[in-house]
Protein backbone atom coordinates (compact mmCIF):
# COMPACT_ATOMS: atom_id res chain seq x y z
CA MET A 1 -0.08 -0.06 -0.15
CA SER A 2 1.35 3.45 -0.76
CA GLU A 3 2.35 5.59 1.84
CA THR A 4 0.69 8.59 -0.01
CA LEU A 5 -2.35 9.31 -1.55
CA THR A 6 -3.92 10.85 -4.43
CA ILE A 7 -6.36 14.03 -3.99
CA GLY A 8 -9.17 11.61 -5.62
CA GLU A 9 -8.15 8.89 -2.93
CA VAL A 10 -8.53 11.02 -0.01
CA ALA A 11 -11.95 12.35 -1.03
CA GLU A 12 -13.02 8.84 -1.94
CA ARG A 13 -12.04 7.74 1.96
CA SER A 14 -13.05 11.04 3.48
CA GLY A 15 -16.37 11.73 1.61
CA VAL A 16 -15.08 15.44 1.01
CA ALA A 17 -15.13 16.75 -2.44
CA THR A 18 -11.68 17.29 -4.47
CA SER A 19 -12.61 20.89 -4.66
CA ALA A 20 -13.18 21.35 -0.79
CA LEU A 21 -10.02 19.26 -0.25
CA ARG A 22 -7.96 21.85 -2.26
CA TYR A 23 -10.07 24.83 -0.48
CA TYR A 24 -8.68 22.91 2.89
CA GLU A 25 -5.07 23.00 1.63
CA GLU A 26 -5.32 26.88 0.48
CA ARG A 27 -6.62 27.86 3.88
CA GLY A 28 -3.50 25.89 5.62
CA LEU A 29 -5.88 23.40 7.09
CA ILE A 30 -4.04 20.09 5.29
CA ARG A 31 -0.95 19.93 3.51
CA ALA A 32 0.12 18.43 0.29
CA GLU A 33 3.42 17.28 -1.03
CA ARG A 34 3.69 17.17 -5.07
CA ASN A 35 5.26 14.88 -7.15
CA SER A 36 7.68 15.31 -10.15
CA SER A 37 4.51 15.80 -12.48
CA GLY A 38 2.95 18.29 -9.69
CA HIS A 39 0.50 15.90 -8.43
CA ARG A 40 -0.60 16.40 -5.12
CA ARG A 41 0.09 13.46 -2.94
CA TYR A 42 -0.87 13.18 0.85
CA GLY A 43 0.25 11.21 3.78
CA ARG A 44 -2.36 9.18 5.23
CA PRO A 45 -2.85 11.14 8.29
CA VAL A 46 -4.75 13.50 6.15
CA ILE A 47 -7.40 11.37 6.10
CA ARG A 48 -8.27 11.90 10.08
CA ARG A 49 -7.46 15.57 9.74
CA VAL A 50 -10.42 16.02 6.96
CA ALA A 51 -12.24 13.55 9.10
CA PHE A 52 -11.76 16.52 12.01
CA ILE A 53 -12.56 19.04 10.05
CA VAL A 54 -15.83 17.81 8.92
CA PHE A 55 -16.74 17.03 12.49
CA ALA A 56 -15.45 20.59 13.72
CA GLN A 57 -17.58 22.21 11.10
CA ARG A 58 -20.88 20.40 12.61
CA VAL A 59 -20.07 21.16 16.27
CA GLY A 60 -20.35 24.94 14.59
CA LEU A 61 -16.28 26.01 14.68
CA THR A 62 -15.33 28.58 12.04
CA LEU A 63 -12.48 27.30 9.56
CA GLU A 64 -10.32 29.94 11.46
CA GLU A 65 -11.03 28.37 14.79
CA ILE A 66 -10.60 24.81 13.26
CA GLY A 67 -6.90 26.22 11.85
CA GLU A 68 -5.96 26.73 15.40
CA GLU A 69 -7.24 23.37 16.67
CA LEU A 70 -5.46 21.60 13.90
CA GLN A 71 -1.88 23.29 14.92
CA LYS A 72 -2.43 21.47 17.70
CA LEU A 73 -2.03 18.05 16.39
CA PRO A 74 1.07 16.20 14.92
CA GLU A 75 1.45 16.43 10.99
CA ASP A 76 3.67 13.31 10.96
CA ARG A 77 1.46 10.97 12.40
CA VAL A 78 -2.11 9.89 12.93
CA PRO A 79 -3.47 11.93 16.01
CA ARG A 80 -3.86 9.48 18.88
CA ARG A 81 -7.11 9.43 21.32
CA THR A 82 -5.25 11.55 23.47
CA ASP A 83 -4.75 14.22 21.00
CA TRP A 84 -8.28 14.11 20.34
CA ALA A 85 -9.44 14.06 23.92
CA LYS A 86 -7.47 17.05 24.44
CA LEU A 87 -8.97 18.92 21.45
CA SER A 88 -12.73 18.01 21.95
CA SER A 89 -13.07 18.48 25.77
CA ARG A 90 -12.83 21.78 25.15
CA TRP A 91 -16.02 22.04 22.54
CA SER A 92 -18.50 20.58 25.32
CA GLU A 93 -19.78 23.82 26.02
CA ARG A 94 -20.37 24.80 22.85
CA ILE A 95 -21.80 21.82 22.10
CA ASP A 96 -24.69 22.12 24.80
CA GLU A 97 -25.55 26.00 23.79
CA ARG A 98 -26.13 24.67 20.32
CA ILE A 99 -28.52 21.76 21.45
CA ALA A 100 -29.96 24.27 23.77
CA GLU A 101 -30.77 26.75 20.80
CA LEU A 102 -32.15 23.91 18.61
CA GLU A 103 -34.38 23.04 21.98
CA ARG A 104 -35.53 26.67 22.12
CA LEU A 105 -36.25 26.33 18.09
CA LYS A 106 -37.88 23.19 18.42
CA GLU A 107 -40.31 24.28 21.34
CA GLY A 108 -41.07 27.60 19.62
CA LEU A 109 -41.50 26.53 16.07
CA THR A 110 -45.29 25.43 16.59
CA ASP A 111 -46.29 28.18 18.92
CA CYS A 112 -44.78 31.08 16.19
CA ILE A 113 -45.87 29.25 13.15
CA GLY A 114 -49.02 27.82 14.56
CA CYS A 115 -51.00 30.79 14.83
CA GLY A 116 -50.45 31.56 11.46
CA CYS A 117 -49.52 35.52 11.90
CA LEU A 118 -45.77 34.82 11.39
CA SER A 119 -45.11 38.06 13.68
CA LEU A 120 -43.66 38.12 16.94
CA ALA A 121 -44.32 41.76 16.76
CA ARG A 122 -47.99 41.08 16.74
CA CYS A 123 -48.53 37.59 17.86
CA LYS A 124 -50.99 38.11 20.67
CA LEU A 125 -50.16 34.44 22.05
CA ALA A 126 -46.29 34.45 22.28
CA ASN A 127 -45.33 37.82 22.48
CA PRO A 128 -48.36 39.93 24.34
CA ASP A 129 -47.16 43.88 23.49
CA ASP A 130 -44.38 43.08 21.89
CA ARG A 131 -42.40 42.31 25.28
CA VAL A 132 -39.78 40.57 23.18
CA ALA A 133 -38.53 43.73 21.72
CA ARG A 134 -36.62 45.00 24.64
CA TYR A 135 -34.07 42.14 24.21
CA GLY A 136 -32.99 43.90 21.37
CA PRO A 137 -33.03 43.04 17.48
CA GLY A 138 -33.08 39.84 15.17
CA PRO A 139 -34.13 36.51 16.57
CA VAL A 140 -33.70 36.84 20.45
CA VAL A 141 -36.31 34.13 20.86
CA TRP A 142 -34.15 31.35 18.93
CA THR A 143 -30.75 32.58 20.22
CA GLY A 144 -31.44 33.12 24.06
CA GLY A 145 -31.02 36.79 24.00
CA THR A 146 -29.96 38.95 26.67
CA GLY A 147 -32.28 38.51 29.75
CA MET A 148 -34.40 35.67 28.32
């Protein structure tokens, strides 16, 4: 088995499009070597790094944050369980916040859309006298705005 992988092989193994892999490389999230004909060749550890990128995006990290986290991982070997544990332990709070946001959305979905008015400013059920306005602009009900 080859020590390096082509971009197509990495795409197939990771489930990520080649265009995304090139973009990740441009952003410095993954690294490829070039062979004598100029084709990209990736070390096997890149598959785990790509999996990490996909997972971190689902958690809600930005590409900048992902880059900062990836700098903490070794590039010359597949990260070990302890490497992943150090990174992921810091995400618990973020995941809890995301879960709470989704729960608020789930609970409020039927209340807000159910009456048909589609306006929290006019809604006599969920927002009498537009009391939500005091918490600020935007979707404060869904985001748990200040004071809610």
